[in-house]
Amino acid sequence: MSPSLSVVADNDLKALPKSETVAQRVQRLQTEARQLAKDHVKSLTTAMIDLEQLAAEIAEGGDAYAPGIRDIARRLAEDLDARVQTVDAISART
């Protein structure tokens, strides 16, 4: 026989602990926002690296790709490499 199900309390996640002041809440939310921003920038960097690899593959793809496409892909891969390094350098300062 399967275990019976029971109703559990719906915890109000928006309710603040009584001990948290407004200033503490602001500080906590700012800390969370900074972490989310760092995570978002990391996602951007990862996407840029993936696109750089894809562009490099196309640039080296030979005659299967039109010469104009290969040239754009080559320039894009070079540019993305520099941009990733720039984003990493800026992120390291913060």
PDB file of N, CA and C in Angstrom:
ATOM      1  N   MET A   1       0.842  -1.171   0.000  1.00  0.00           N
ATOM      2  CA  MET A   1       0.000   0.000   0.000  1.00  0.00           C
ATOM      3  C   MET A   1       0.891   1.239   0.000  1.00  0.00           C
ATOM      4  N   SER A   2       0.539   2.222  -0.792  1.00  0.00           N
ATOM      5  CA  SER A   2       1.358   3.434  -0.890  1.00  0.00           C
ATOM      6  C   SER A   2       1.103   4.345   0.301  1.00  0.00           C
ATOM      7  N   PRO A   3       2.113   5.156   0.661  1.00  0.00           N
ATOM      8  CA  PRO A   3       1.918   6.063   1.787  1.00  0.00           C
ATOM      9  C   PRO A   3       0.872   7.115   1.451  1.00  0.00           C
ATOM     10  N   SER A   4       0.132   7.517   2.446  1.00  0.00           N
ATOM     11  CA  SER A   4      -0.896   8.520   2.202  1.00  0.00           C
ATOM     12  C   SER A   4      -0.285   9.910   2.105  1.00  0.00           C
ATOM     13  N   LEU A   5      -0.951  10.737   1.356  1.00  0.00           N
ATOM     14  CA  LEU A   5      -0.504  12.108   1.170  1.00  0.00           C
ATOM     15  C   LEU A   5      -1.150  12.992   2.226  1.00  0.00           C
ATOM     16  N   SER A   6      -0.433  14.031   2.591  1.00  0.00           N
ATOM     17  CA  SER A   6      -1.006  14.966   3.554  1.00  0.00           C
ATOM     18  C   SER A   6      -0.727  16.382   3.101  1.00  0.00           C
ATOM     19  N   VAL A   7      -1.562  17.287   3.535  1.00  0.00           N
ATOM     20  CA  VAL A   7      -1.425  18.695   3.191  1.00  0.00           C
ATOM     21  C   VAL A   7      -0.385  19.309   4.113  1.00  0.00           C
ATOM     22  N   VAL A   8       0.507  20.100   3.524  1.00  0.00           N
ATOM     23  CA  VAL A   8       1.517  20.785   4.331  1.00  0.00           C
ATOM     24  C   VAL A   8       1.257  22.274   4.274  1.00  0.00           C
ATOM     25  N   ALA A   9       1.779  22.979   5.240  1.00  0.00           N
ATOM     26  CA  ALA A   9       1.574  24.423   5.314  1.00  0.00           C
ATOM     27  C   ALA A   9       2.241  25.114   4.135  1.00  0.00           C
ATOM     28  N   ASP A  10       1.597  26.148   3.625  1.00  0.00           N
ATOM     29  CA  ASP A  10       2.155  26.966   2.552  1.00  0.00           C
ATOM     30  C   ASP A  10       2.962  28.068   3.211  1.00  0.00           C
ATOM     31  N   ASN A  11       4.270  27.908   3.188  1.00  0.00           N
ATOM     32  CA  ASN A  11       5.131  28.905   3.814  1.00  0.00           C
ATOM     33  C   ASN A  11       5.177  30.156   2.968  1.00  0.00           C
ATOM     34  N   ASP A  12       4.941  31.289   3.576  1.00  0.00           N
ATOM     35  CA  ASP A  12       4.978  32.567   2.870  1.00  0.00           C
ATOM     36  C   ASP A  12       6.430  32.993   2.751  1.00  0.00           C
ATOM     37  N   LEU A  13       7.014  32.834   1.547  1.00  0.00           N
ATOM     38  CA  LEU A  13       8.421  33.141   1.341  1.00  0.00           C
ATOM     39  C   LEU A  13       8.691  34.638   1.383  1.00  0.00           C
ATOM     40  N   LYS A  14       7.650  35.438   1.222  1.00  0.00           N
ATOM     41  CA  LYS A  14       7.842  36.882   1.230  1.00  0.00           C
ATOM     42  C   LYS A  14       7.929  37.433   2.649  1.00  0.00           C
ATOM     43  N   ALA A  15       7.504  36.689   3.589  1.00  0.00           N
ATOM     44  CA  ALA A  15       7.533  37.164   4.976  1.00  0.00           C
ATOM     45  C   ALA A  15       8.977  37.244   5.448  1.00  0.00           C
ATOM     46  N   LEU A  16       9.314  38.352   6.046  1.00  0.00           N
ATOM     47  CA  LEU A  16      10.670  38.557   6.554  1.00  0.00           C
ATOM     48  C   LEU A  16      10.782  38.025   7.967  1.00  0.00           C
ATOM     49  N   PRO A  17      11.929  37.494   8.297  1.00  0.00           N
ATOM     50  CA  PRO A  17      12.130  37.153   9.698  1.00  0.00           C
ATOM     51  C   PRO A  17      12.037  38.434  10.526  1.00  0.00           C
ATOM     52  N   LYS A  18      11.482  38.318  11.682  1.00  0.00           N
ATOM     53  CA  LYS A  18      11.293  39.500  12.530  1.00  0.00           C
ATOM     54  C   LYS A  18      12.613  40.160  12.888  1.00  0.00           C
ATOM     55  N   SER A  19      13.698  39.418  12.881  1.00  0.00           N
ATOM     56  CA  SER A  19      14.980  39.970  13.299  1.00  0.00           C
ATOM     57  C   SER A  19      15.691  40.739  12.188  1.00  0.00           C
ATOM     58  N   GLU A  20      15.213  40.665  10.943  1.00  0.00           N
ATOM     59  CA  GLU A  20      15.886  41.338   9.841  1.00  0.00           C
ATOM     60  C   GLU A  20      15.370  42.774   9.710  1.00  0.00           C
ATOM     61  N   THR A  21      16.275  43.726   9.841  1.00  0.00           N
ATOM     62  CA  THR A  21      15.908  45.128   9.687  1.00  0.00           C
ATOM     63  C   THR A  21      15.846  45.472   8.204  1.00  0.00           C
ATOM     64  N   VAL A  22      15.296  46.630   7.908  1.00  0.00           N
ATOM     65  CA  VAL A  22      15.232  47.083   6.521  1.00  0.00           C
ATOM     66  C   VAL A  22      16.645  47.222   5.955  1.00  0.00           C
ATOM     67  N   ALA A  23      17.558  47.776   6.723  1.00  0.00           N
ATOM     68  CA  ALA A  23      18.944  47.937   6.265  1.00  0.00           C
ATOM     69  C   ALA A  23      19.586  46.578   5.988  1.00  0.00           C
ATOM     70  N   GLN A  24      19.332  45.608   6.839  1.00  0.00           N
ATOM     71  CA  GLN A  24      19.878  44.273   6.622  1.00  0.00           C
ATOM     72  C   GLN A  24      19.275  43.630   5.377  1.00  0.00           C
ATOM     73  N   ARG A  25      17.980  43.864   5.177  1.00  0.00           N
ATOM     74  CA  ARG A  25      17.323  43.325   3.988  1.00  0.00           C
ATOM     75  C   ARG A  25      17.909  43.947   2.729  1.00  0.00           C
ATOM     76  N   VAL A  26      18.111  45.265   2.748  1.00  0.00           N
ATOM     77  CA  VAL A  26      18.709  45.954   1.602  1.00  0.00           C
ATOM     78  C   VAL A  26      20.090  45.374   1.314  1.00  0.00           C
ATOM     79  N   GLN A  27      20.884  45.193   2.354  1.00  0.00           N
ATOM     80  CA  GLN A  27      22.231  44.644   2.179  1.00  0.00           C
ATOM     81  C   GLN A  27      22.168  43.226   1.609  1.00  0.00           C
ATOM     82  N   ARG A  28      21.266  42.417   2.134  1.00  0.00           N
ATOM     83  CA  ARG A  28      21.125  41.039   1.649  1.00  0.00           C
ATOM     84  C   ARG A  28      20.699  41.022   0.186  1.00  0.00           C
ATOM     85  N   LEU A  29      19.736  41.868  -0.163  1.00  0.00           N
ATOM     86  CA  LEU A  29      19.264  41.910  -1.547  1.00  0.00           C
ATOM     87  C   LEU A  29      20.342  42.431  -2.494  1.00  0.00           C
ATOM     88  N   GLN A  30      21.126  43.396  -2.046  1.00  0.00           N
ATOM     89  CA  GLN A  30      22.233  43.893  -2.874  1.00  0.00           C
ATOM     90  C   GLN A  30      23.275  42.801  -3.088  1.00  0.00           C
ATOM     91  N   THR A  31      23.553  42.041  -2.051  1.00  0.00           N
ATOM     92  CA  THR A  31      24.502  40.932  -2.170  1.00  0.00           C
ATOM     93  C   THR A  31      23.975  39.895  -3.152  1.00  0.00           C
ATOM     94  N   GLU A  32      22.686  39.578  -3.055  1.00  0.00           N
ATOM     95  CA  GLU A  32      22.080  38.627  -3.984  1.00  0.00           C
ATOM     96  C   GLU A  32      22.124  39.157  -5.414  1.00  0.00           C
ATOM     97  N   ALA A  33      21.840  40.443  -5.586  1.00  0.00           N
ATOM     98  CA  ALA A  33      21.855  41.040  -6.925  1.00  0.00           C
ATOM     99  C   ALA A  33      23.256  40.999  -7.529  1.00  0.00           C
ATOM    100  N   ARG A  34      24.269  41.284  -6.718  1.00  0.00           N
ATOM    101  CA  ARG A  34      25.647  41.221  -7.215  1.00  0.00           C
ATOM    102  C   ARG A  34      26.003  39.800  -7.639  1.00  0.00           C
ATOM    103  N   GLN A  35      25.580  38.812  -6.866  1.00  0.00           N
ATOM    104  CA  GLN A  35      25.873  37.421  -7.216  1.00  0.00           C
ATOM    105  C   GLN A  35      25.144  37.020  -8.496  1.00  0.00           C
ATOM    106  N   LEU A  36      23.896  37.437  -8.617  1.00  0.00           N
ATOM    107  CA  LEU A  36      23.146  37.134  -9.841  1.00  0.00           C
ATOM    108  C   LEU A  36      23.802  37.791 -11.052  1.00  0.00           C
ATOM    109  N   ALA A  37      24.287  39.006 -10.886  1.00  0.00           N
ATOM    110  CA  ALA A  37      24.971  39.693 -11.984  1.00  0.00           C
ATOM    111  C   ALA A  37      26.243  38.944 -12.373  1.00  0.00           C
ATOM    112  N   LYS A  38      27.001  38.475 -11.387  1.00  0.00           N
ATOM    113  CA  LYS A  38      28.209  37.695 -11.675  1.00  0.00           C
ATOM    114  C   LYS A  38      27.856  36.416 -12.432  1.00  0.00           C
ATOM    115  N   ASP A  39      26.792  35.752 -12.004  1.00  0.00           N
ATOM    116  CA  ASP A  39      26.350  34.530 -12.678  1.00  0.00           C
ATOM    117  C   ASP A  39      25.922  34.824 -14.125  1.00  0.00           C
ATOM    118  N   HIS A  40      25.255  35.960 -14.311  1.00  0.00           N
ATOM    119  CA  HIS A  40      24.792  36.341 -15.635  1.00  0.00           C
ATOM    120  C   HIS A  40      25.973  36.635 -16.557  1.00  0.00           C
ATOM    121  N   VAL A  41      26.975  37.327 -16.042  1.00  0.00           N
ATOM    122  CA  VAL A  41      28.173  37.623 -16.826  1.00  0.00           C
ATOM    123  C   VAL A  41      28.905  36.326 -17.170  1.00  0.00           C
ATOM    124  N   LYS A  42      28.925  35.379 -16.233  1.00  0.00           N
ATOM    125  CA  LYS A  42      29.548  34.077 -16.498  1.00  0.00           C
ATOM    126  C   LYS A  42      28.817  33.363 -17.632  1.00  0.00           C
ATOM    127  N   SER A  43      27.496  33.451 -17.648  1.00  0.00           N
ATOM    128  CA  SER A  43      26.711  32.858 -18.740  1.00  0.00           C
ATOM    129  C   SER A  43      27.038  33.534 -20.063  1.00  0.00           C
ATOM    130  N   LEU A  44      27.189  34.848 -20.041  1.00  0.00           N
ATOM    131  CA  LEU A  44      27.563  35.585 -21.249  1.00  0.00           C
ATOM    132  C   LEU A  44      28.924  35.115 -21.759  1.00  0.00           C
ATOM    133  N   THR A  45      29.876  35.006 -20.864  1.00  0.00           N
ATOM    134  CA  THR A  45      31.220  34.569 -21.241  1.00  0.00           C
ATOM    135  C   THR A  45      31.185  33.166 -21.836  1.00  0.00           C
ATOM    136  N   THR A  46      30.440  32.287 -21.224  1.00  0.00           N
ATOM    137  CA  THR A  46      30.311  30.914 -21.728  1.00  0.00           C
ATOM    138  C   THR A  46      29.706  30.908 -23.131  1.00  0.00           C
ATOM    139  N   ALA A  47      28.670  31.706 -23.343  1.00  0.00           N
ATOM    140  CA  ALA A  47      28.040  31.781 -24.661  1.00  0.00           C
ATOM    141  C   ALA A  47      29.008  32.347 -25.693  1.00  0.00           C
ATOM    142  N   MET A  48      29.788  33.341 -25.303  1.00  0.00           N
ATOM    143  CA  MET A  48      30.761  33.933 -26.213  1.00  0.00           C
ATOM    144  C   MET A  48      31.839  32.916 -26.597  1.00  0.00           C
ATOM    145  N   ILE A  49      32.281  32.135 -25.637  1.00  0.00           N
ATOM    146  CA  ILE A  49      33.291  31.101 -25.912  1.00  0.00           C
ATOM    147  C   ILE A  49      32.727  30.040 -26.856  1.00  0.00           C
ATOM    148  N   ASP A  50      31.479  29.635 -26.601  1.00  0.00           N
ATOM    149  CA  ASP A  50      30.839  28.652 -27.489  1.00  0.00           C
ATOM    150  C   ASP A  50      30.723  29.201 -28.912  1.00  0.00           C
ATOM    151  N   LEU A  51      30.314  30.462 -29.031  1.00  0.00           N
ATOM    152  CA  LEU A  51      30.185  31.073 -30.352  1.00  0.00           C
ATOM    153  C   LEU A  51      31.550  31.227 -31.012  1.00  0.00           C
ATOM    154  N   GLU A  52      32.557  31.560 -30.234  1.00  0.00           N
ATOM    155  CA  GLU A  52      33.916  31.669 -30.777  1.00  0.00           C
ATOM    156  C   GLU A  52      34.360  30.330 -31.378  1.00  0.00           C
ATOM    157  N   GLN A  53      34.092  29.241 -30.673  1.00  0.00           N
ATOM    158  CA  GLN A  53      34.470  27.919 -31.173  1.00  0.00           C
ATOM    159  C   GLN A  53      33.704  27.565 -32.445  1.00  0.00           C
ATOM    160  N   LEU A  54      32.417  27.892 -32.467  1.00  0.00           N
ATOM    161  CA  LEU A  54      31.608  27.630 -33.652  1.00  0.00           C
ATOM    162  C   LEU A  54      32.115  28.444 -34.844  1.00  0.00           C
ATOM    163  N   ALA A  55      32.410  29.708 -34.615  1.00  0.00           N
ATOM    164  CA  ALA A  55      32.918  30.569 -35.686  1.00  0.00           C
ATOM    165  C   ALA A  55      34.262  30.057 -36.199  1.00  0.00           C
ATOM    166  N   ALA A  56      35.116  29.612 -35.290  1.00  0.00           N
ATOM    167  CA  ALA A  56      36.418  29.081 -35.703  1.00  0.00           C
ATOM    168  C   ALA A  56      36.249  27.821 -36.550  1.00  0.00           C
ATOM    169  N   GLU A  57      35.302  26.976 -36.201  1.00  0.00           N
ATOM    170  CA  GLU A  57      35.044  25.766 -36.992  1.00  0.00           C
ATOM    171  C   GLU A  57      34.599  26.128 -38.405  1.00  0.00           C
ATOM    172  N   ILE A  58      33.722  27.107 -38.505  1.00  0.00           N
ATOM    173  CA  ILE A  58      33.244  27.530 -39.824  1.00  0.00           C
ATOM    174  C   ILE A  58      34.380  28.176 -40.609  1.00  0.00           C
ATOM    175  N   ALA A  59      35.177  29.000 -39.935  1.00  0.00           N
ATOM    176  CA  ALA A  59      36.297  29.666 -40.608  1.00  0.00           C
ATOM    177  C   ALA A  59      37.273  28.655 -41.199  1.00  0.00           C
ATOM    178  N   GLU A  60      37.419  27.521 -40.547  1.00  0.00           N
ATOM    179  CA  GLU A  60      38.348  26.492 -41.004  1.00  0.00           C
ATOM    180  C   GLU A  60      37.646  25.392 -41.796  1.00  0.00           C
ATOM    181  N   GLY A  61      36.388  25.631 -42.145  1.00  0.00           N
ATOM    182  CA  GLY A  61      35.566  24.605 -42.777  1.00  0.00           C
ATOM    183  C   GLY A  61      35.844  24.335 -44.229  1.00  0.00           C
ATOM    184  N   GLY A  62      36.687  25.120 -44.822  1.00  0.00           N
ATOM    185  CA  GLY A  62      37.040  24.854 -46.210  1.00  0.00           C
ATOM    186  C   GLY A  62      35.963  25.261 -47.192  1.00  0.00           C
ATOM    187  N   ASP A  63      35.996  24.634 -48.346  1.00  0.00           N
ATOM    188  CA  ASP A  63      35.130  25.015 -49.464  1.00  0.00           C
ATOM    189  C   ASP A  63      33.648  24.731 -49.228  1.00  0.00           C
ATOM    190  N   ALA A  64      33.324  24.030 -48.181  1.00  0.00           N
ATOM    191  CA  ALA A  64      31.913  23.767 -47.899  1.00  0.00           C
ATOM    192  C   ALA A  64      31.178  25.065 -47.564  1.00  0.00           C
ATOM    193  N   TYR A  65      31.929  26.061 -47.102  1.00  0.00           N
ATOM    194  CA  TYR A  65      31.345  27.352 -46.750  1.00  0.00           C
ATOM    195  C   TYR A  65      31.789  28.405 -47.753  1.00  0.00           C
ATOM    196  N   ALA A  66      30.922  29.329 -48.042  1.00  0.00           N
ATOM    197  CA  ALA A  66      31.257  30.415 -48.960  1.00  0.00           C
ATOM    198  C   ALA A  66      32.414  31.234 -48.383  1.00  0.00           C
ATOM    199  N   PRO A  67      33.315  31.716 -49.238  1.00  0.00           N
ATOM    200  CA  PRO A  67      34.467  32.484 -48.751  1.00  0.00           C
ATOM    201  C   PRO A  67      34.073  33.671 -47.868  1.00  0.00           C
ATOM    202  N   GLY A  68      33.010  34.379 -48.186  1.00  0.00           N
ATOM    203  CA  GLY A  68      32.569  35.510 -47.356  1.00  0.00           C
ATOM    204  C   GLY A  68      32.156  35.071 -45.961  1.00  0.00           C
ATOM    205  N   ILE A  69      31.490  33.927 -45.893  1.00  0.00           N
ATOM    206  CA  ILE A  69      31.063  33.380 -44.597  1.00  0.00           C
ATOM    207  C   ILE A  69      32.281  32.998 -43.771  1.00  0.00           C
ATOM    208  N   ARG A  70      33.240  32.331 -44.407  1.00  0.00           N
ATOM    209  CA  ARG A  70      34.461  31.932 -43.681  1.00  0.00           C
ATOM    210  C   ARG A  70      35.196  33.156 -43.154  1.00  0.00           C
ATOM    211  N   ASP A  71      35.251  34.213 -43.943  1.00  0.00           N
ATOM    212  CA  ASP A  71      35.945  35.426 -43.523  1.00  0.00           C
ATOM    213  C   ASP A  71      35.241  36.082 -42.332  1.00  0.00           C
ATOM    214  N   ILE A  72      33.927  36.173 -42.407  1.00  0.00           N
ATOM    215  CA  ILE A  72      33.163  36.745 -41.284  1.00  0.00           C
ATOM    216  C   ILE A  72      33.357  35.902 -40.036  1.00  0.00           C
ATOM    217  N   ALA A  73      33.305  34.600 -40.193  1.00  0.00           N
ATOM    218  CA  ALA A  73      33.479  33.697 -39.048  1.00  0.00           C
ATOM    219  C   ALA A  73      34.873  33.841 -38.442  1.00  0.00           C
ATOM    220  N   ARG A  74      35.883  33.967 -39.283  1.00  0.00           N
ATOM    221  CA  ARG A  74      37.260  34.135 -38.788  1.00  0.00           C
ATOM    222  C   ARG A  74      37.388  35.431 -37.989  1.00  0.00           C
ATOM    223  N   ARG A  75      36.851  36.523 -38.541  1.00  0.00           N
ATOM    224  CA  ARG A  75      36.934  37.809 -37.841  1.00  0.00           C
ATOM    225  C   ARG A  75      36.129  37.801 -36.546  1.00  0.00           C
ATOM    226  N   LEU A  76      34.983  37.138 -36.587  1.00  0.00           N
ATOM    227  CA  LEU A  76      34.160  37.031 -35.391  1.00  0.00           C
ATOM    228  C   LEU A  76      34.880  36.248 -34.293  1.00  0.00           C
ATOM    229  N   ALA A  77      35.512  35.150 -34.667  1.00  0.00           N
ATOM    230  CA  ALA A  77      36.248  34.338 -33.688  1.00  0.00           C
ATOM    231  C   ALA A  77      37.379  35.146 -33.064  1.00  0.00           C
ATOM    232  N   GLU A  78      38.100  35.909 -33.881  1.00  0.00           N
ATOM    233  CA  GLU A  78      39.184  36.741 -33.352  1.00  0.00           C
ATOM    234  C   GLU A  78      38.643  37.813 -32.408  1.00  0.00           C
ATOM    235  N   ASP A  79      37.556  38.447 -32.818  1.00  0.00           N
ATOM    236  CA  ASP A  79      36.971  39.508 -32.003  1.00  0.00           C
ATOM    237  C   ASP A  79      36.423  38.965 -30.695  1.00  0.00           C
ATOM    238  N   LEU A  80      35.763  37.818 -30.759  1.00  0.00           N
ATOM    239  CA  LEU A  80      35.192  37.236 -29.546  1.00  0.00           C
ATOM    240  C   LEU A  80      36.280  36.856 -28.548  1.00  0.00           C
ATOM    241  N   ASP A  81      37.404  36.366 -29.035  1.00  0.00           N
ATOM    242  CA  ASP A  81      38.507  36.021 -28.143  1.00  0.00           C
ATOM    243  C   ASP A  81      38.935  37.248 -27.349  1.00  0.00           C
ATOM    244  N   ALA A  82      39.107  38.366 -28.040  1.00  0.00           N
ATOM    245  CA  ALA A  82      39.505  39.606 -27.362  1.00  0.00           C
ATOM    246  C   ALA A  82      38.415  40.084 -26.408  1.00  0.00           C
ATOM    247  N   ARG A  83      37.167  39.964 -26.814  1.00  0.00           N
ATOM    248  CA  ARG A  83      36.050  40.423 -25.960  1.00  0.00           C
ATOM    249  C   ARG A  83      35.927  39.574 -24.694  1.00  0.00           C
ATOM    250  N   VAL A  84      36.119  38.280 -24.825  1.00  0.00           N
ATOM    251  CA  VAL A  84      36.063  37.405 -23.643  1.00  0.00           C
ATOM    252  C   VAL A  84      37.163  37.793 -22.659  1.00  0.00           C
ATOM    253  N   GLN A  85      38.346  38.041 -23.177  1.00  0.00           N
ATOM    254  CA  GLN A  85      39.446  38.463 -22.304  1.00  0.00           C
ATOM    255  C   GLN A  85      39.136  39.792 -21.614  1.00  0.00           C
ATOM    256  N   THR A  86      38.510  40.703 -22.326  1.00  0.00           N
ATOM    257  CA  THR A  86      38.138  41.996 -21.752  1.00  0.00           C
ATOM    258  C   THR A  86      37.086  41.812 -20.649  1.00  0.00           C
ATOM    259  N   VAL A  87      36.073  41.005 -20.923  1.00  0.00           N
ATOM    260  CA  VAL A  87      35.019  40.757 -19.915  1.00  0.00           C
ATOM    261  C   VAL A  87      35.642  40.097 -18.682  1.00  0.00           C
ATOM    262  N   ASP A  88      36.522  39.135 -18.883  1.00  0.00           N
ATOM    263  CA  ASP A  88      37.190  38.471 -17.751  1.00  0.00           C
ATOM    264  C   ASP A  88      38.009  39.459 -16.938  1.00  0.00           C
ATOM    265  N   ALA A  89      38.719  40.347 -17.615  1.00  0.00           N
ATOM    266  CA  ALA A  89      39.548  41.328 -16.905  1.00  0.00           C
ATOM    267  C   ALA A  89      38.682  42.291 -16.097  1.00  0.00           C
ATOM    268  N   ILE A  90      37.589  42.738 -16.679  1.00  0.00           N
ATOM    269  CA  ILE A  90      36.694  43.646 -15.959  1.00  0.00           C
ATOM    270  C   ILE A  90      36.056  42.914 -14.773  1.00  0.00           C
ATOM    271  N   SER A  91      35.636  41.687 -14.990  1.00  0.00           N
ATOM    272  CA  SER A  91      35.010  40.912 -13.912  1.00  0.00           C
ATOM    273  C   SER A  91      35.969  40.659 -12.756  1.00  0.00           C
ATOM    274  N   ALA A  92      37.237  40.488 -13.075  1.00  0.00           N
ATOM    275  CA  ALA A  92      38.228  40.224 -12.020  1.00  0.00           C
ATOM    276  C   ALA A  92      38.420  41.434 -11.116  1.00  0.00           C
ATOM    277  N   ARG A  93      38.139  42.627 -11.633  1.00  0.00           N
ATOM    278  CA  ARG A  93      38.308  43.845 -10.836  1.00  0.00           C
ATOM    279  C   ARG A  93      37.166  44.061  -9.865  1.00  0.00           C
ATOM    280  N   THR A  94      36.028  43.439 -10.103  1.00  0.00           N
ATOM    281  CA  THR A  94      34.870  43.687  -9.245  1.00  0.00           C
ATOM    282  C   THR A  94      34.681  42.611  -8.221  1.00  0.00           C
TER     283      THR A  94
END
